[in-house]
Amino acid sequence: MEATSGTTAPDKPRLVIMAAPGSVLENLLSAEHAAEAAASEAADRLKGVRDEIKAELTQAHPGIGRFDIAGTPHRPAKQLNWVNTVRLNTKRLKTEQPLLYTEYAEFGGKWVLSPARGQ
């Protein structure tokens, strides 16, 4: 069993859609574009603020593995924890142990809405 690369399965037909001006689809695509831009800006700001919180606490208190941050009536309590992680290098496993990779791999699919290539 081998995974196929690309965005369309070979047994699925492909359809090019042109949203009609003023159609529900055109309005949805425009709303999606605006929401995506706003979400990206918000995500960047949130990441920056969280990174500053982490830096503030970990630089002021080196060696601490857990911070319990008290809340207020207008802001909930938070925790900052050091979490050990383990990653499996699937690219290396597939290259060096292809039979083992295939034995444990779970193949599937999902719909992905993304910008067209070259745009």
PDB file of N, CA and C in Angstrom:
ATOM      1  N   MET A   1       0.846  -1.178   0.000  1.00  0.00           N
ATOM      2  CA  MET A   1       0.000   0.000   0.000  1.00  0.00           C
ATOM      3  C   MET A   1       0.891   1.241   0.000  1.00  0.00           C
ATOM      4  N   GLU A   2       0.631   2.163  -0.882  1.00  0.00           N
ATOM      5  CA  GLU A   2       1.469   3.357  -0.977  1.00  0.00           C
ATOM      6  C   GLU A   2       0.586   4.595  -1.031  1.00  0.00           C
ATOM      7  N   ALA A   3       1.002   5.633  -0.290  1.00  0.00           N
ATOM      8  CA  ALA A   3       0.246   6.890  -0.289  1.00  0.00           C
ATOM      9  C   ALA A   3       0.523   7.639  -1.582  1.00  0.00           C
ATOM     10  N   THR A   4      -0.493   8.301  -2.089  1.00  0.00           N
ATOM     11  CA  THR A   4      -0.303   9.106  -3.286  1.00  0.00           C
ATOM     12  C   THR A   4      -0.099  10.551  -2.883  1.00  0.00           C
ATOM     13  N   SER A   5       0.734  11.249  -3.611  1.00  0.00           N
ATOM     14  CA  SER A   5       0.953  12.655  -3.317  1.00  0.00           C
ATOM     15  C   SER A   5       0.054  13.487  -4.218  1.00  0.00           C
ATOM     16  N   GLY A   6      -0.093  14.742  -3.862  1.00  0.00           N
ATOM     17  CA  GLY A   6      -0.956  15.618  -4.649  1.00  0.00           C
ATOM     18  C   GLY A   6      -2.255  15.870  -3.919  1.00  0.00           C
ATOM     19  N   THR A   7      -3.097  16.673  -4.534  1.00  0.00           N
ATOM     20  CA  THR A   7      -4.317  17.063  -3.847  1.00  0.00           C
ATOM     21  C   THR A   7      -5.552  16.336  -4.351  1.00  0.00           C
ATOM     22  N   THR A   8      -5.472  15.640  -5.478  1.00  0.00           N
ATOM     23  CA  THR A   8      -6.651  14.944  -5.986  1.00  0.00           C
ATOM     24  C   THR A   8      -6.338  13.473  -6.142  1.00  0.00           C
ATOM     25  N   ALA A   9      -7.241  12.649  -5.669  1.00  0.00           N
ATOM     26  CA  ALA A   9      -7.075  11.212  -5.834  1.00  0.00           C
ATOM     27  C   ALA A   9      -7.291  10.876  -7.307  1.00  0.00           C
ATOM     28  N   PRO A  10      -6.566   9.892  -7.832  1.00  0.00           N
ATOM     29  CA  PRO A  10      -6.665   9.573  -9.253  1.00  0.00           C
ATOM     30  C   PRO A  10      -8.056   9.129  -9.677  1.00  0.00           C
ATOM     31  N   ASP A  11      -8.857   8.572  -8.771  1.00  0.00           N
ATOM     32  CA  ASP A  11     -10.185   8.083  -9.151  1.00  0.00           C
ATOM     33  C   ASP A  11     -11.283   9.122  -8.930  1.00  0.00           C
ATOM     34  N   LYS A  12     -10.936  10.332  -8.555  1.00  0.00           N
ATOM     35  CA  LYS A  12     -11.928  11.382  -8.313  1.00  0.00           C
ATOM     36  C   LYS A  12     -11.897  12.393  -9.455  1.00  0.00           C
ATOM     37  N   PRO A  13     -13.056  12.752 -10.006  1.00  0.00           N
ATOM     38  CA  PRO A  13     -13.081  13.768 -11.066  1.00  0.00           C
ATOM     39  C   PRO A  13     -12.775  15.151 -10.502  1.00  0.00           C
ATOM     40  N   ARG A  14     -12.327  16.032 -11.367  1.00  0.00           N
ATOM     41  CA  ARG A  14     -11.977  17.395 -10.979  1.00  0.00           C
ATOM     42  C   ARG A  14     -12.927  18.349 -11.682  1.00  0.00           C
ATOM     43  N   LEU A  15     -13.353  19.392 -10.979  1.00  0.00           N
ATOM     44  CA  LEU A  15     -14.287  20.367 -11.518  1.00  0.00           C
ATOM     45  C   LEU A  15     -13.774  21.761 -11.225  1.00  0.00           C
ATOM     46  N   VAL A  16     -13.681  22.603 -12.249  1.00  0.00           N
ATOM     47  CA  VAL A  16     -13.265  23.992 -12.077  1.00  0.00           C
ATOM     48  C   VAL A  16     -14.533  24.826 -11.874  1.00  0.00           C
ATOM     49  N   ILE A  17     -14.548  25.619 -10.804  1.00  0.00           N
ATOM     50  CA  ILE A  17     -15.720  26.414 -10.439  1.00  0.00           C
ATOM     51  C   ILE A  17     -15.399  27.894 -10.601  1.00  0.00           C
ATOM     52  N   MET A  18     -16.270  28.633 -11.233  1.00  0.00           N
ATOM     53  CA  MET A  18     -16.178  30.084 -11.334  1.00  0.00           C
ATOM     54  C   MET A  18     -17.400  30.640 -10.619  1.00  0.00           C
ATOM     55  N   ALA A  19     -17.179  31.299  -9.493  1.00  0.00           N
ATOM     56  CA  ALA A  19     -18.297  31.839  -8.712  1.00  0.00           C
ATOM     57  C   ALA A  19     -18.954  32.982  -9.483  1.00  0.00           C
ATOM     58  N   ALA A  20     -20.252  32.910  -9.649  1.00  0.00           N
ATOM     59  CA  ALA A  20     -20.996  33.961 -10.357  1.00  0.00           C
ATOM     60  C   ALA A  20     -21.028  35.222  -9.503  1.00  0.00           C
ATOM     61  N   PRO A  21     -20.887  36.409 -10.129  1.00  0.00           N
ATOM     62  CA  PRO A  21     -20.946  37.659  -9.376  1.00  0.00           C
ATOM     63  C   PRO A  21     -22.255  37.770  -8.585  1.00  0.00           C
ATOM     64  N   GLY A  22     -22.121  38.095  -7.302  1.00  0.00           N
ATOM     65  CA  GLY A  22     -23.284  38.258  -6.445  1.00  0.00           C
ATOM     66  C   GLY A  22     -23.870  36.965  -5.920  1.00  0.00           C
ATOM     67  N   SER A  23     -23.270  35.825  -6.265  1.00  0.00           N
ATOM     68  CA  SER A  23     -23.800  34.530  -5.820  1.00  0.00           C
ATOM     69  C   SER A  23     -23.444  34.277  -4.355  1.00  0.00           C
ATOM     70  N   VAL A  24     -24.136  33.328  -3.774  1.00  0.00           N
ATOM     71  CA  VAL A  24     -23.841  32.929  -2.399  1.00  0.00           C
ATOM     72  C   VAL A  24     -22.389  32.464  -2.296  1.00  0.00           C
ATOM     73  N   LEU A  25     -21.928  31.670  -3.278  1.00  0.00           N
ATOM     74  CA  LEU A  25     -20.558  31.175  -3.240  1.00  0.00           C
ATOM     75  C   LEU A  25     -19.560  32.317  -3.298  1.00  0.00           C
ATOM     76  N   GLU A  26     -19.795  33.321  -4.167  1.00  0.00           N
ATOM     77  CA  GLU A  26     -18.873  34.458  -4.235  1.00  0.00           C
ATOM     78  C   GLU A  26     -18.832  35.194  -2.900  1.00  0.00           C
ATOM     79  N   ASN A  27     -19.982  35.397  -2.285  1.00  0.00           N
ATOM     80  CA  ASN A  27     -20.028  36.071  -0.982  1.00  0.00           C
ATOM     81  C   ASN A  27     -19.314  35.256   0.096  1.00  0.00           C
ATOM     82  N   LEU A  28     -19.494  33.945   0.078  1.00  0.00           N
ATOM     83  CA  LEU A  28     -18.806  33.085   1.040  1.00  0.00           C
ATOM     84  C   LEU A  28     -17.292  33.126   0.840  1.00  0.00           C
ATOM     85  N   LEU A  29     -16.847  33.092  -0.408  1.00  0.00           N
ATOM     86  CA  LEU A  29     -15.406  33.140  -0.679  1.00  0.00           C
ATOM     87  C   LEU A  29     -14.808  34.478  -0.248  1.00  0.00           C
ATOM     88  N   SER A  30     -15.543  35.566  -0.456  1.00  0.00           N
ATOM     89  CA  SER A  30     -15.071  36.881  -0.016  1.00  0.00           C
ATOM     90  C   SER A  30     -15.013  36.953   1.507  1.00  0.00           C
ATOM     91  N   ALA A  31     -16.037  36.426   2.162  1.00  0.00           N
ATOM     92  CA  ALA A  31     -16.069  36.420   3.628  1.00  0.00           C
ATOM     93  C   ALA A  31     -14.944  35.554   4.182  1.00  0.00           C
ATOM     94  N   GLU A  32     -14.683  34.425   3.522  1.00  0.00           N
ATOM     95  CA  GLU A  32     -13.594  33.538   3.960  1.00  0.00           C
ATOM     96  C   GLU A  32     -12.252  34.239   3.853  1.00  0.00           C
ATOM     97  N   HIS A  33     -12.051  34.976   2.772  1.00  0.00           N
ATOM     98  CA  HIS A  33     -10.800  35.707   2.560  1.00  0.00           C
ATOM     99  C   HIS A  33     -10.597  36.762   3.655  1.00  0.00           C
ATOM    100  N   ALA A  34     -11.630  37.521   3.953  1.00  0.00           N
ATOM    101  CA  ALA A  34     -11.540  38.554   4.989  1.00  0.00           C
ATOM    102  C   ALA A  34     -11.315  37.929   6.369  1.00  0.00           C
ATOM    103  N   ALA A  35     -12.033  36.845   6.663  1.00  0.00           N
ATOM    104  CA  ALA A  35     -11.887  36.181   7.957  1.00  0.00           C
ATOM    105  C   ALA A  35     -10.495  35.568   8.100  1.00  0.00           C
ATOM    106  N   GLU A  36      -9.966  35.024   7.015  1.00  0.00           N
ATOM    107  CA  GLU A  36      -8.627  34.436   7.045  1.00  0.00           C
ATOM    108  C   GLU A  36      -7.574  35.503   7.353  1.00  0.00           C
ATOM    109  N   ALA A  37      -7.701  36.674   6.740  1.00  0.00           N
ATOM    110  CA  ALA A  37      -6.758  37.764   7.001  1.00  0.00           C
ATOM    111  C   ALA A  37      -6.849  38.214   8.456  1.00  0.00           C
ATOM    112  N   ALA A  38      -8.066  38.371   8.968  1.00  0.00           N
ATOM    113  CA  ALA A  38      -8.248  38.789  10.361  1.00  0.00           C
ATOM    114  C   ALA A  38      -7.723  37.723  11.321  1.00  0.00           C
ATOM    115  N   ALA A  39      -7.980  36.453  11.012  1.00  0.00           N
ATOM    116  CA  ALA A  39      -7.519  35.365  11.872  1.00  0.00           C
ATOM    117  C   ALA A  39      -5.998  35.285  11.886  1.00  0.00           C
ATOM    118  N   SER A  40      -5.378  35.516  10.744  1.00  0.00           N
ATOM    119  CA  SER A  40      -3.918  35.486  10.663  1.00  0.00           C
ATOM    120  C   SER A  40      -3.302  36.598  11.512  1.00  0.00           C
ATOM    121  N   GLU A  41      -3.865  37.788  11.410  1.00  0.00           N
ATOM    122  CA  GLU A  41      -3.377  38.908  12.220  1.00  0.00           C
ATOM    123  C   GLU A  41      -3.560  38.624  13.708  1.00  0.00           C
ATOM    124  N   ALA A  42      -4.734  38.103  14.075  1.00  0.00           N
ATOM    125  CA  ALA A  42      -5.011  37.799  15.473  1.00  0.00           C
ATOM    126  C   ALA A  42      -4.082  36.695  15.984  1.00  0.00           C
ATOM    127  N   ALA A  43      -3.850  35.666  15.168  1.00  0.00           N
ATOM    128  CA  ALA A  43      -2.968  34.568  15.566  1.00  0.00           C
ATOM    129  C   ALA A  43      -1.543  35.063  15.774  1.00  0.00           C
ATOM    130  N   ASP A  44      -1.077  35.939  14.890  1.00  0.00           N
ATOM    131  CA  ASP A  44       0.268  36.500  15.042  1.00  0.00           C
ATOM    132  C   ASP A  44       0.382  37.310  16.330  1.00  0.00           C
ATOM    133  N   ARG A  45      -0.641  38.122  16.607  1.00  0.00           N
ATOM    134  CA  ARG A  45      -0.633  38.943  17.821  1.00  0.00           C
ATOM    135  C   ARG A  45      -0.686  38.056  19.059  1.00  0.00           C
ATOM    136  N   LEU A  46      -1.555  37.047  19.056  1.00  0.00           N
ATOM    137  CA  LEU A  46      -1.679  36.139  20.186  1.00  0.00           C
ATOM    138  C   LEU A  46      -0.377  35.389  20.435  1.00  0.00           C
ATOM    139  N   LYS A  47       0.269  34.906  19.386  1.00  0.00           N
ATOM    140  CA  LYS A  47       1.541  34.210  19.548  1.00  0.00           C
ATOM    141  C   LYS A  47       2.591  35.131  20.147  1.00  0.00           C
ATOM    142  N   GLY A  48       2.630  36.357  19.662  1.00  0.00           N
ATOM    143  CA  GLY A  48       3.597  37.320  20.194  1.00  0.00           C
ATOM    144  C   GLY A  48       3.382  37.602  21.672  1.00  0.00           C
ATOM    145  N   VAL A  49       2.134  37.792  22.068  1.00  0.00           N
ATOM    146  CA  VAL A  49       1.826  38.056  23.478  1.00  0.00           C
ATOM    147  C   VAL A  49       2.175  36.842  24.327  1.00  0.00           C
ATOM    148  N   ARG A  50       1.811  35.652  23.870  1.00  0.00           N
ATOM    149  CA  ARG A  50       2.124  34.438  24.640  1.00  0.00           C
ATOM    150  C   ARG A  50       3.627  34.219  24.755  1.00  0.00           C
ATOM    151  N   ASP A  51       4.365  34.484  23.695  1.00  0.00           N
ATOM    152  CA  ASP A  51       5.823  34.361  23.747  1.00  0.00           C
ATOM    153  C   ASP A  51       6.417  35.332  24.765  1.00  0.00           C
ATOM    154  N   GLU A  52       5.871  36.542  24.829  1.00  0.00           N
ATOM    155  CA  GLU A  52       6.358  37.529  25.805  1.00  0.00           C
ATOM    156  C   GLU A  52       6.041  37.105  27.232  1.00  0.00           C
ATOM    157  N   ILE A  53       4.851  36.526  27.460  1.00  0.00           N
ATOM    158  CA  ILE A  53       4.495  36.023  28.791  1.00  0.00           C
ATOM    159  C   ILE A  53       5.472  34.929  29.211  1.00  0.00           C
ATOM    160  N   LYS A  54       5.729  33.984  28.304  1.00  0.00           N
ATOM    161  CA  LYS A  54       6.658  32.893  28.598  1.00  0.00           C
ATOM    162  C   LYS A  54       8.047  33.439  28.919  1.00  0.00           C
ATOM    163  N   ALA A  55       8.521  34.367  28.107  1.00  0.00           N
ATOM    164  CA  ALA A  55       9.849  34.947  28.326  1.00  0.00           C
ATOM    165  C   ALA A  55       9.903  35.685  29.656  1.00  0.00           C
ATOM    166  N   GLU A  56       8.875  36.457  29.961  1.00  0.00           N
ATOM    167  CA  GLU A  56       8.834  37.220  31.211  1.00  0.00           C
ATOM    168  C   GLU A  56       8.953  36.298  32.421  1.00  0.00           C
ATOM    169  N   LEU A  57       8.186  35.234  32.430  1.00  0.00           N
ATOM    170  CA  LEU A  57       8.193  34.335  33.580  1.00  0.00           C
ATOM    171  C   LEU A  57       9.449  33.472  33.648  1.00  0.00           C
ATOM    172  N   THR A  58       9.858  32.897  32.529  1.00  0.00           N
ATOM    173  CA  THR A  58      11.000  31.974  32.562  1.00  0.00           C
ATOM    174  C   THR A  58      12.331  32.690  32.770  1.00  0.00           C
ATOM    175  N   GLN A  59      12.450  33.922  32.314  1.00  0.00           N
ATOM    176  CA  GLN A  59      13.685  34.677  32.553  1.00  0.00           C
ATOM    177  C   GLN A  59      13.756  35.165  33.999  1.00  0.00           C
ATOM    178  N   ALA A  60      12.618  35.527  34.569  1.00  0.00           N
ATOM    179  CA  ALA A  60      12.592  36.008  35.949  1.00  0.00           C
ATOM    180  C   ALA A  60      12.750  34.862  36.953  1.00  0.00           C
ATOM    181  N   HIS A  61      12.381  33.648  36.557  1.00  0.00           N
ATOM    182  CA  HIS A  61      12.402  32.504  37.476  1.00  0.00           C
ATOM    183  C   HIS A  61      12.983  31.272  36.785  1.00  0.00           C
ATOM    184  N   PRO A  62      14.295  31.272  36.457  1.00  0.00           N
ATOM    185  CA  PRO A  62      14.884  30.118  35.761  1.00  0.00           C
ATOM    186  C   PRO A  62      14.796  28.852  36.611  1.00  0.00           C
ATOM    187  N   GLY A  63      14.593  27.728  35.939  1.00  0.00           N
ATOM    188  CA  GLY A  63      14.557  26.444  36.624  1.00  0.00           C
ATOM    189  C   GLY A  63      13.184  26.022  37.096  1.00  0.00           C
ATOM    190  N   ILE A  64      12.207  26.907  37.043  1.00  0.00           N
ATOM    191  CA  ILE A  64      10.851  26.558  37.456  1.00  0.00           C
ATOM    192  C   ILE A  64      10.158  25.853  36.288  1.00  0.00           C
ATOM    193  N   GLY A  65       9.445  24.773  36.576  1.00  0.00           N
ATOM    194  CA  GLY A  65       8.792  23.999  35.526  1.00  0.00           C
ATOM    195  C   GLY A  65       7.302  24.226  35.413  1.00  0.00           C
ATOM    196  N   ARG A  66       6.729  24.940  36.391  1.00  0.00           N
ATOM    197  CA  ARG A  66       5.290  25.200  36.344  1.00  0.00           C
ATOM    198  C   ARG A  66       4.992  26.526  37.026  1.00  0.00           C
ATOM    199  N   PHE A  67       4.195  27.319  36.361  1.00  0.00           N
ATOM    200  CA  PHE A  67       3.752  28.593  36.909  1.00  0.00           C
ATOM    201  C   PHE A  67       2.234  28.576  36.999  1.00  0.00           C
ATOM    202  N   ASP A  68       1.688  28.890  38.156  1.00  0.00           N
ATOM    203  CA  ASP A  68       0.252  29.065  38.328  1.00  0.00           C
ATOM    204  C   ASP A  68       0.012  30.564  38.385  1.00  0.00           C
ATOM    205  N   ILE A  69      -0.674  31.083  37.400  1.00  0.00           N
ATOM    206  CA  ILE A  69      -0.894  32.519  37.274  1.00  0.00           C
ATOM    207  C   ILE A  69      -2.314  32.822  37.745  1.00  0.00           C
ATOM    208  N   ALA A  70      -2.421  33.603  38.815  1.00  0.00           N
ATOM    209  CA  ALA A  70      -3.725  33.905  39.396  1.00  0.00           C
ATOM    210  C   ALA A  70      -4.572  34.711  38.427  1.00  0.00           C
ATOM    211  N   GLY A  71      -5.860  34.489  38.491  1.00  0.00           N
ATOM    212  CA  GLY A  71      -6.790  35.230  37.661  1.00  0.00           C
ATOM    213  C   GLY A  71      -7.329  36.445  38.392  1.00  0.00           C
ATOM    214  N   THR A  72      -8.144  37.195  37.692  1.00  0.00           N
ATOM    215  CA  THR A  72      -8.843  38.352  38.261  1.00  0.00           C
ATOM    216  C   THR A  72     -10.313  38.196  37.893  1.00  0.00           C
ATOM    217  N   PRO A  73     -11.175  39.086  38.384  1.00  0.00           N
ATOM    218  CA  PRO A  73     -12.580  38.987  37.989  1.00  0.00           C
ATOM    219  C   PRO A  73     -12.797  39.123  36.475  1.00  0.00           C
ATOM    220  N   HIS A  74     -11.838  39.724  35.769  1.00  0.00           N
ATOM    221  CA  HIS A  74     -11.994  39.942  34.323  1.00  0.00           C
ATOM    222  C   HIS A  74     -11.054  39.103  33.469  1.00  0.00           C
ATOM    223  N   ARG A  75     -10.252  38.254  34.123  1.00  0.00           N
ATOM    224  CA  ARG A  75      -9.297  37.428  33.387  1.00  0.00           C
ATOM    225  C   ARG A  75      -9.136  36.102  34.100  1.00  0.00           C
ATOM    226  N   PRO A  76      -9.293  35.003  33.378  1.00  0.00           N
ATOM    227  CA  PRO A  76      -9.185  33.696  34.035  1.00  0.00           C
ATOM    228  C   PRO A  76      -7.746  33.370  34.429  1.00  0.00           C
ATOM    229  N   ALA A  77      -7.619  32.480  35.397  1.00  0.00           N
ATOM    230  CA  ALA A  77      -6.297  31.994  35.818  1.00  0.00           C
ATOM    231  C   ALA A  77      -5.671  31.212  34.665  1.00  0.00           C
ATOM    232  N   LYS A  78      -4.356  31.157  34.672  1.00  0.00           N
ATOM    233  CA  LYS A  78      -3.604  30.440  33.631  1.00  0.00           C
ATOM    234  C   LYS A  78      -2.547  29.571  34.290  1.00  0.00           C
ATOM    235  N   GLN A  79      -2.047  28.624  33.526  1.00  0.00           N
ATOM    236  CA  GLN A  79      -0.889  27.834  33.920  1.00  0.00           C
ATOM    237  C   GLN A  79       0.110  27.848  32.788  1.00  0.00           C
ATOM    238  N   LEU A  80       1.372  27.913  33.139  1.00  0.00           N
ATOM    239  CA  LEU A  80       2.446  27.760  32.162  1.00  0.00           C
ATOM    240  C   LEU A  80       3.260  26.568  32.627  1.00  0.00           C
ATOM    241  N   ASN A  81       3.299  25.528  31.819  1.00  0.00           N
ATOM    242  CA  ASN A  81       3.987  24.286  32.164  1.00  0.00           C
ATOM    243  C   ASN A  81       5.050  23.960  31.130  1.00  0.00           C
ATOM    244  N   TRP A  82       6.178  23.442  31.590  1.00  0.00           N
ATOM    245  CA  TRP A  82       7.158  22.867  30.684  1.00  0.00           C
ATOM    246  C   TRP A  82       6.666  21.465  30.351  1.00  0.00           C
ATOM    247  N   VAL A  83       6.576  21.135  29.080  1.00  0.00           N
ATOM    248  CA  VAL A  83       6.089  19.837  28.644  1.00  0.00           C
ATOM    249  C   VAL A  83       7.162  19.194  27.777  1.00  0.00           C
ATOM    250  N   ASN A  84       7.626  18.014  28.190  1.00  0.00           N
ATOM    251  CA  ASN A  84       8.572  17.266  27.363  1.00  0.00           C
ATOM    252  C   ASN A  84       7.828  16.683  26.174  1.00  0.00           C
ATOM    253  N   THR A  85       8.474  16.691  25.027  1.00  0.00           N
ATOM    254  CA  THR A  85       7.848  16.168  23.821  1.00  0.00           C
ATOM    255  C   THR A  85       8.716  15.105  23.175  1.00  0.00           C
ATOM    256  N   VAL A  86       8.067  14.251  22.413  1.00  0.00           N
ATOM    257  CA  VAL A  86       8.759  13.236  21.621  1.00  0.00           C
ATOM    258  C   VAL A  86       8.138  13.281  20.234  1.00  0.00           C
ATOM    259  N   ARG A  87       8.984  13.345  19.229  1.00  0.00           N
ATOM    260  CA  ARG A  87       8.509  13.325  17.846  1.00  0.00           C
ATOM    261  C   ARG A  87       9.031  12.078  17.161  1.00  0.00           C
ATOM    262  N   LEU A  88       8.257  11.569  16.252  1.00  0.00           N
ATOM    263  CA  LEU A  88       8.692  10.450  15.432  1.00  0.00           C
ATOM    264  C   LEU A  88       9.044  11.004  14.060  1.00  0.00           C
ATOM    265  N   ASN A  89      10.265  10.791  13.630  1.00  0.00           N
ATOM    266  CA  ASN A  89      10.710  11.264  12.327  1.00  0.00           C
ATOM    267  C   ASN A  89      10.197  10.287  11.269  1.00  0.00           C
ATOM    268  N   THR A  90       8.969  10.545  10.790  1.00  0.00           N
ATOM    269  CA  THR A  90       8.342   9.626   9.848  1.00  0.00           C
ATOM    270  C   THR A  90       9.049   9.585   8.503  1.00  0.00           C
ATOM    271  N   LYS A  91       9.653  10.686   8.104  1.00  0.00           N
ATOM    272  CA  LYS A  91      10.380  10.708   6.831  1.00  0.00           C
ATOM    273  C   LYS A  91      11.573   9.740   6.890  1.00  0.00           C
ATOM    274  N   ARG A  92      12.306   9.798   7.999  1.00  0.00           N
ATOM    275  CA  ARG A  92      13.452   8.909   8.166  1.00  0.00           C
ATOM    276  C   ARG A  92      12.985   7.458   8.322  1.00  0.00           C
ATOM    277  N   LEU A  93      11.930   7.238   9.098  1.00  0.00           N
ATOM    278  CA  LEU A  93      11.403   5.891   9.282  1.00  0.00           C
ATOM    279  C   LEU A  93      10.982   5.292   7.946  1.00  0.00           C
ATOM    280  N   LYS A  94      10.297   6.087   7.130  1.00  0.00           N
ATOM    281  CA  LYS A  94       9.841   5.602   5.816  1.00  0.00           C
ATOM    282  C   LYS A  94      11.031   5.249   4.929  1.00  0.00           C
ATOM    283  N   THR A  95      12.110   6.025   5.018  1.00  0.00           N
ATOM    284  CA  THR A  95      13.294   5.782   4.205  1.00  0.00           C
ATOM    285  C   THR A  95      14.083   4.574   4.697  1.00  0.00           C
ATOM    286  N   GLU A  96      14.320   4.504   6.021  1.00  0.00           N
ATOM    287  CA  GLU A  96      15.197   3.478   6.573  1.00  0.00           C
ATOM    288  C   GLU A  96      14.475   2.168   6.912  1.00  0.00           C
ATOM    289  N   GLN A  97      13.180   2.258   7.246  1.00  0.00           N
ATOM    290  CA  GLN A  97      12.414   1.068   7.621  1.00  0.00           C
ATOM    291  C   GLN A  97      11.046   1.082   6.918  1.00  0.00           C
ATOM    292  N   PRO A  98      11.027   0.996   5.584  1.00  0.00           N
ATOM    293  CA  PRO A  98       9.759   1.141   4.853  1.00  0.00           C
ATOM    294  C   PRO A  98       8.706   0.092   5.219  1.00  0.00           C
ATOM    295  N   LEU A  99       9.103  -1.132   5.519  1.00  0.00           N
ATOM    296  CA  LEU A  99       8.122  -2.153   5.883  1.00  0.00           C
ATOM    297  C   LEU A  99       7.477  -1.843   7.231  1.00  0.00           C
ATOM    298  N   LEU A 100       8.281  -1.414   8.182  1.00  0.00           N
ATOM    299  CA  LEU A 100       7.755  -1.040   9.487  1.00  0.00           C
ATOM    300  C   LEU A 100       6.836   0.173   9.365  1.00  0.00           C
ATOM    301  N   TYR A 101       7.262   1.150   8.552  1.00  0.00           N
ATOM    302  CA  TYR A 101       6.437   2.343   8.316  1.00  0.00           C
ATOM    303  C   TYR A 101       5.077   1.944   7.742  1.00  0.00           C
ATOM    304  N   THR A 102       5.075   1.090   6.729  1.00  0.00           N
ATOM    305  CA  THR A 102       3.837   0.679   6.076  1.00  0.00           C
ATOM    306  C   THR A 102       2.955  -0.123   7.027  1.00  0.00           C
ATOM    307  N   GLU A 103       3.577  -0.929   7.883  1.00  0.00           N
ATOM    308  CA  GLU A 103       2.818  -1.746   8.823  1.00  0.00           C
ATOM    309  C   GLU A 103       2.041  -0.880   9.829  1.00  0.00           C
ATOM    310  N   TYR A 104       2.635   0.231  10.264  1.00  0.00           N
ATOM    311  CA  TYR A 104       2.002   1.057  11.289  1.00  0.00           C
ATOM    312  C   TYR A 104       1.337   2.326  10.745  1.00  0.00           C
ATOM    313  N   ALA A 105       1.547   2.639   9.501  1.00  0.00           N
ATOM    314  CA  ALA A 105       0.956   3.852   8.926  1.00  0.00           C
ATOM    315  C   ALA A 105      -0.561   3.698   8.816  1.00  0.00           C
ATOM    316  N   GLU A 106      -1.256   4.792   9.077  1.00  0.00           N
ATOM    317  CA  GLU A 106      -2.699   4.827   8.888  1.00  0.00           C
ATOM    318  C   GLU A 106      -2.974   5.871   7.818  1.00  0.00           C
ATOM    319  N   PHE A 107      -3.504   5.420   6.701  1.00  0.00           N
ATOM    320  CA  PHE A 107      -3.737   6.301   5.568  1.00  0.00           C
ATOM    321  C   PHE A 107      -5.175   6.787   5.579  1.00  0.00           C
ATOM    322  N   GLY A 108      -5.370   8.021   5.182  1.00  0.00           N
ATOM    323  CA  GLY A 108      -6.705   8.594   5.137  1.00  0.00           C
ATOM    324  C   GLY A 108      -6.701   9.820   4.251  1.00  0.00           C
ATOM    325  N   GLY A 109      -7.686  10.640   4.404  1.00  0.00           N
ATOM    326  CA  GLY A 109      -7.758  11.860   3.618  1.00  0.00           C
ATOM    327  C   GLY A 109      -8.715  12.841   4.256  1.00  0.00           C
ATOM    328  N   LYS A 110      -8.689  14.057   3.772  1.00  0.00           N
ATOM    329  CA  LYS A 110      -9.595  15.087   4.253  1.00  0.00           C
ATOM    330  C   LYS A 110      -9.687  16.186   3.209  1.00  0.00           C
ATOM    331  N   TRP A 111     -10.730  16.977   3.271  1.00  0.00           N
ATOM    332  CA  TRP A 111     -10.872  18.125   2.387  1.00  0.00           C
ATOM    333  C   TRP A 111      -9.999  19.252   2.913  1.00  0.00           C
ATOM    334  N   VAL A 112      -9.253  19.897   2.010  1.00  0.00           N
ATOM    335  CA  VAL A 112      -8.390  21.026   2.373  1.00  0.00           C
ATOM    336  C   VAL A 112      -8.691  22.178   1.414  1.00  0.00           C
ATOM    337  N   LEU A 113      -9.121  23.308   1.960  1.00  0.00           N
ATOM    338  CA  LEU A 113      -9.364  24.502   1.156  1.00  0.00           C
ATOM    339  C   LEU A 113      -8.118  25.370   1.267  1.00  0.00           C
ATOM    340  N   SER A 114      -7.449  25.606   0.137  1.00  0.00           N
ATOM    341  CA  SER A 114      -6.197  26.356   0.161  1.00  0.00           C
ATOM    342  C   SER A 114      -6.103  27.236  -1.074  1.00  0.00           C
ATOM    343  N   PRO A 115      -5.202  28.220  -1.033  1.00  0.00           N
ATOM    344  CA  PRO A 115      -5.024  29.073  -2.221  1.00  0.00           C
ATOM    345  C   PRO A 115      -4.546  28.237  -3.415  1.00  0.00           C
ATOM    346  N   ALA A 116      -4.956  28.639  -4.599  1.00  0.00           N
ATOM    347  CA  ALA A 116      -4.514  27.949  -5.804  1.00  0.00           C
ATOM    348  C   ALA A 116      -3.019  28.157  -5.975  1.00  0.00           C
ATOM    349  N   ARG A 117      -2.371  27.199  -6.566  1.00  0.00           N
ATOM    350  CA  ARG A 117      -0.919  27.308  -6.768  1.00  0.00           C
ATOM    351  C   ARG A 117      -0.607  28.447  -7.721  1.00  0.00           C
ATOM    352  N   GLY A 118       0.507  29.125  -7.442  1.00  0.00           N
ATOM    353  CA  GLY A 118       0.954  30.206  -8.306  1.00  0.00           C
ATOM    354  C   GLY A 118       0.250  31.529  -8.013  1.00  0.00           C
ATOM    355  N   GLN A 119      -0.461  31.573  -6.899  1.00  0.00           N
ATOM    356  CA  GLN A 119      -1.183  32.816  -6.585  1.00  0.00           C
ATOM    357  C   GLN A 119      -0.777  33.354  -5.252  1.00  0.00           C
TER     358      GLN A 119
END
